[in-house]
Structures are given as C-alpha cells and as structure tokens.
Protein backbone atom coordinates (compact mmCIF):
# COMPACT_ATOMS: atom_id res chain seq x y z
CA ARG A 1 0.25 0.33 0.20
CA VAL A 2 0.93 2.95 -0.58
CA LEU A 3 1.87 5.31 2.83
CA GLU A 4 2.59 8.96 1.25
CA VAL A 5 2.97 11.22 -1.66
CA GLY A 6 5.09 14.41 -1.79
CA GLU A 7 6.44 16.22 -4.80
CA HIS A 8 9.40 14.50 -4.99
CA HIS A 9 8.70 11.22 -3.49
CA VAL A 10 6.66 8.43 -3.07
CA THR A 11 6.19 5.38 0.14
CA GLY A 12 4.69 2.18 -0.27
CA GLU A 13 4.51 -0.42 2.57
CA PHE A 14 4.49 -3.92 2.71
CA LEU A 15 3.09 -6.29 5.43
CA LEU A 16 4.34 -10.18 6.40
CA SER A 17 2.35 -11.96 8.72
CA ARG A 18 3.53 -15.67 9.85
CA ASP A 19 -0.31 -16.31 10.50
CA ALA A 20 -1.56 -15.57 7.24
CA PRO A 21 -2.99 -18.90 4.98
CA GLY A 22 -0.29 -20.21 3.02
CA GLN A 23 2.41 -18.35 4.85
CA GLN A 24 5.64 -19.79 5.75
CA TRP A 25 7.74 -16.96 6.66
CA PRO A 26 8.62 -17.40 10.38
CA ALA A 27 8.43 -14.27 11.38
CA ASP A 28 5.86 -10.98 10.90
CA ALA A 29 7.43 -8.24 9.57
CA GLY A 30 7.12 -5.39 7.54
CA LEU A 31 9.25 -3.44 4.42
CA ARG A 32 8.84 0.28 3.09
CA ILE A 33 10.66 1.60 0.71
CA THR A 34 10.70 5.33 -0.32
CA TYR A 35 11.63 6.68 -3.87
CA GLU A 36 12.74 9.75 -4.02
CA VAL A 37 14.20 11.69 -7.31
CA GLY A 38 16.69 14.26 -7.08
CA PRO A 39 18.68 16.24 -9.24
CA ARG A 40 19.94 13.93 -12.27
CA ALA A 41 19.43 11.06 -9.14
CA LEU A 42 17.18 8.07 -7.69
CA ILE A 43 17.51 7.11 -4.15
CA ILE A 44 16.04 4.77 -3.03
CA THR A 45 15.43 4.29 1.06
CA SER A 46 14.65 0.62 2.11
CA GLU A 47 13.32 0.07 6.13
CA VAL A 48 12.71 -3.43 6.91
CA PHE A 49 11.08 -3.94 10.26
CA ALA A 50 10.25 -7.30 12.62
CA GLY A 51 7.35 -7.83 14.77
CA ASP A 52 6.75 -8.14 18.37
CA ASP A 53 7.34 -11.20 19.50
CA ARG A 54 10.09 -13.23 16.96
CA ASP A 55 13.65 -12.30 15.18
CA LEU A 56 13.29 -11.89 11.56
CA PRO A 57 15.24 -13.93 9.30
CA PHE A 58 15.97 -11.64 6.27
CA GLY A 59 17.66 -10.74 3.00
CA LEU A 60 17.06 -7.88 0.48
CA GLY A 61 18.01 -7.53 -2.72
CA PHE A 62 17.11 -4.95 -5.90
CA HIS A 63 16.45 -6.05 -9.80
CA PRO A 64 17.16 -2.46 -12.01
CA TYR A 65 17.58 -3.20 -15.52
CA PHE A 66 19.42 -0.30 -17.16
CA ARG A 67 19.13 0.02 -20.43
CA VAL A 68 21.86 1.10 -23.19
CA PRO A 69 20.43 2.69 -26.03
CA GLY A 70 22.75 2.30 -29.38
CA PRO A 71 25.53 -0.17 -29.88
CA PHE A 72 25.70 -2.47 -27.22
CA ASP A 73 29.58 -2.38 -27.09
CA ARG A 74 30.36 1.27 -27.06
CA TRP A 75 29.13 0.59 -23.41
CA ARG A 76 31.77 0.20 -20.76
CA LEU A 77 30.71 -1.26 -17.36
CA GLN A 78 33.08 -0.90 -14.01
CA CYS A 79 32.72 -2.39 -10.55
CA ASP A 80 34.42 -2.38 -7.52
CA ALA A 81 34.07 -6.01 -6.86
CA SER A 82 37.51 -7.88 -5.66
CA ALA A 83 35.75 -11.21 -5.39
CA THR A 84 33.16 -13.86 -6.49
CA TRP A 85 30.95 -16.64 -5.41
CA PRO A 86 31.49 -19.54 -8.02
CA LEU A 87 28.12 -21.13 -8.59
CA ALA A 88 26.51 -24.67 -9.81
CA GLN A 89 23.16 -24.20 -11.79
CA MET A 90 23.24 -20.59 -10.76
CA VAL A 91 23.40 -21.95 -6.93
CA PRO A 92 26.87 -20.42 -4.66
CA THR A 93 28.54 -23.29 -3.89
CA GLY A 94 29.91 -21.37 -0.60
CA ASP A 95 33.25 -20.44 -1.40
CA VAL A 96 34.44 -16.76 -2.52
CA ILE A 97 37.59 -16.26 -4.72
CA ALA A 98 39.20 -13.40 -6.16
CA VAL A 99 37.92 -12.69 -9.57
CA PRO A 100 39.36 -13.93 -12.59
CA ALA A 101 39.58 -11.74 -15.75
CA ARG A 102 36.49 -11.99 -17.14
CA LEU A 103 34.78 -10.68 -13.69
CA ASP A 104 37.12 -8.36 -13.15
CA PHE A 105 35.56 -4.48 -13.61
CA ARG A 106 37.59 -2.45 -11.30
CA ASN A 107 38.88 -0.91 -14.21
CA PRO A 108 36.26 -0.20 -16.60
CA ARG A 109 35.82 -2.55 -19.83
CA HIS A 110 33.70 -2.79 -22.62
CA LEU A 111 31.27 -5.54 -22.47
CA ARG A 112 31.41 -7.11 -26.06
CA ASP A 113 30.39 -10.16 -26.61
CA ASP A 114 30.33 -11.77 -22.62
CA HIS A 115 27.05 -12.75 -21.02
CA LEU A 116 27.16 -12.17 -17.28
CA ASP A 117 24.89 -13.46 -14.45
CA ASP A 118 27.19 -13.90 -11.26
CA VAL A 119 27.20 -12.82 -7.71
CA LEU A 120 30.30 -10.35 -6.86
CA THR A 121 31.26 -9.26 -4.28
CA GLY A 122 35.09 -8.16 -1.98
CA LEU A 123 33.94 -4.32 -2.03
CA PRO A 124 36.27 -2.18 -0.63
CA ALA A 125 35.40 -1.19 2.77
CA THR A 126 33.52 1.84 4.06
CA ASP A 127 31.41 2.88 6.91
CA ALA A 128 29.43 5.26 4.37
CA MET A 129 27.22 5.93 0.85
CA ALA A 130 29.71 5.15 -1.37
CA PRO A 131 29.84 4.77 -5.88
CA ARG A 132 30.06 1.29 -6.15
CA ALA A 133 29.60 0.27 -9.98
CA ALA A 134 28.97 2.66 -13.63
CA LEU A 135 28.34 1.73 -16.88
CA MET A 136 29.51 4.50 -19.34
CA CYS A 137 30.18 5.64 -22.45
CA GLU A 138 31.47 8.23 -24.35
CA GLN A 139 28.38 10.90 -23.96
CA SER A 140 27.33 9.52 -20.50
CA ALA A 141 27.67 7.58 -17.13
CA LEU A 142 25.05 6.00 -14.72
CA THR A 143 26.49 5.44 -10.72
CA VAL A 144 25.52 3.05 -8.74
CA SER A 145 26.03 4.04 -4.53
CA SER A 146 25.29 2.05 -1.33
CA ASP A 147 25.66 2.35 2.05
CA PRO A 148 27.64 -0.55 3.57
CA THR A 149 24.09 -3.06 4.20
CA PHE A 150 24.71 -3.93 0.58
CA ARG A 151 27.89 -6.25 0.54
CA GLU A 152 27.08 -8.12 -3.23
CA TYR A 153 26.33 -6.96 -6.54
CA VAL A 154 24.83 -9.00 -9.05
CA VAL A 155 25.51 -8.42 -12.87
CA PHE A 156 23.57 -9.65 -15.07
CA THR A 157 22.90 -9.01 -19.41
CA PRO A 158 20.11 -10.10 -21.08
CA ALA A 159 19.95 -12.18 -24.38
CA SER A 160 18.09 -9.10 -26.37
CA ARG A 161 21.61 -7.26 -25.53
CA ASP A 162 19.93 -4.28 -24.70
CA ALA A 163 20.41 -3.82 -20.83
CA VAL A 164 22.64 -4.57 -17.89
CA ALA A 165 21.25 -5.65 -14.68
CA ILE A 166 23.08 -3.97 -11.44
CA GLU A 167 22.18 -5.21 -8.76
CA PRO A 168 22.83 -4.58 -4.64
CA TYR A 169 22.49 -6.71 -2.41
CA THR A 170 22.35 -7.31 1.37
CA CYS A 171 23.41 -10.85 0.64
CA THR A 172 24.71 -13.70 -1.89
CA THR A 173 21.77 -15.81 -3.38
CA ASP A 174 20.76 -18.08 -1.62
CA ALA A 175 22.21 -17.14 1.79
CA VAL A 176 19.73 -18.75 4.07
CA HIS A 177 21.18 -22.78 3.24
CA LEU A 178 24.87 -21.19 3.40
CA SER A 179 23.94 -20.05 6.47
CA ALA A 180 22.89 -23.52 7.36
CA ARG A 181 26.33 -24.42 6.08
CA SER A 182 28.14 -22.30 8.68
CA VAL A 183 28.76 -19.78 5.63
CA ASP A 184 28.67 -15.79 5.71
CA GLY A 185 26.12 -15.28 3.02
CA GLY A 186 25.39 -11.87 4.51
CA TRP A 187 21.96 -13.83 5.53
CA ARG A 188 20.66 -10.95 8.41
CA VAL A 189 18.57 -11.74 11.39
CA LEU A 190 16.56 -8.27 12.69
CA PRO A 191 16.03 -8.68 16.49
CA ALA A 192 12.13 -8.19 17.21
CA ARG A 193 10.55 -4.71 17.43
CA GLN A 194 13.71 -3.49 15.66
CA THR A 195 14.43 -1.93 12.76
CA THR A 196 16.86 -1.29 9.86
CA LEU A 197 17.69 0.88 6.97
CA ALA A 198 19.41 0.50 3.83
CA THR A 199 19.88 3.16 1.44
CA TRP A 200 21.61 3.20 -2.08
CA ARG A 201 21.20 5.47 -5.28
CA VAL A 202 21.40 6.02 -9.34
CA ASP A 203 23.48 9.03 -10.68
CA ILE A 204 23.29 10.37 -14.23
CA SER A 205 26.29 12.39 -15.38
C-alpha cells in the first residue's frame, strides 16, 4: 500500500504475517521503501522492521535493469568488487574466490559478447554511501552507489543485449542455505521490534 506521496518522492509499505494462509515465513515483518527523485538522481531507502515477538531472518536485494541505447559494445562496465561467488546450477557453492579476468571490472571495460549472470563481492570497506559500480560511454555515465548494508552486487546481461542489470544485495543468493552450512553469505537476523535501514542510489552524469 502507498503510505505517502510528495512532490519528489513516494513511500510504499508491504506487511507480511506469519499467520496468513499459506505463509511459511517464521516471523511477522514489514518493508517500507521510499523512492525519491533528485537532480539527475534516484534515491531508494528501505526500512525493514520485525514484528513484536519473533526475530526476523531476511535478505534484501534489488533488480534494476538499465537500458543502454545505441550499440551495446560502446558501453563499459565498472564495479569495485574484487571477489565472486562461484555458482553451480546458478546457486553459490559457498566458496569465495578472487574475480577472474572475465569478471574483473575494477577498471572500466567493454562488455562486448560477454554474458554476465554473476554474484560479485569483496567491495572496499566503507562506513558511508559510496560509488560501487557504473555504466559509461563517451557521452554519459550511470553510477550506482550504496551504503555498507549492500555487500554483494549481481551483474546480468539479458539475451536482448539492450540492458545491463546492476543489482545491490545485502546477501548473496541462497544465503539462507549457506547460513545453515555456517557460510557467511550475508543472511541477517533482525531482533523482534527492531528496524534497519538500507539506502542506494543511481546518479546520471
């Protein structure tokens, strides 16, 4: 449901009850998201809150697809990640390795024919909002920044070759099962009655 609409922002809320028919989540939960439009920017702030009587296990991820007009091979991708989660049948194995050459975007480079569907990690430490990834060509750049809550980035190129997804995550995919194996995949547990905030943004230049 929509909670608030302003001149430059909108806030929505999703509530989840463990007692709802067919629901298998272990705790009551809520998510509020505010989308704010600034000068050549979009800022997304999320508020996750736990119910009154049980701790809330969760992970949070976003799936923005950025359309890239013109020839695909004129665009370059940059991402600060120094490591990746190897996948088996698109599920992380639990290992973390240094990015191979194919996934090393610390220096911007053209995508060309590469197909990406990978989970990157190993971002430089920061205690504030920081630029993490970018798409750029000769005329413009799109920069994705996030606060330290987002420790993984999924990068994806659809078969249409007209977009690049740069997706900030608080955890790797399948983190709940990795946690059961004592692997730190970023799976979090929010104490009952507590709230946590996470913010990321997109800037165009």
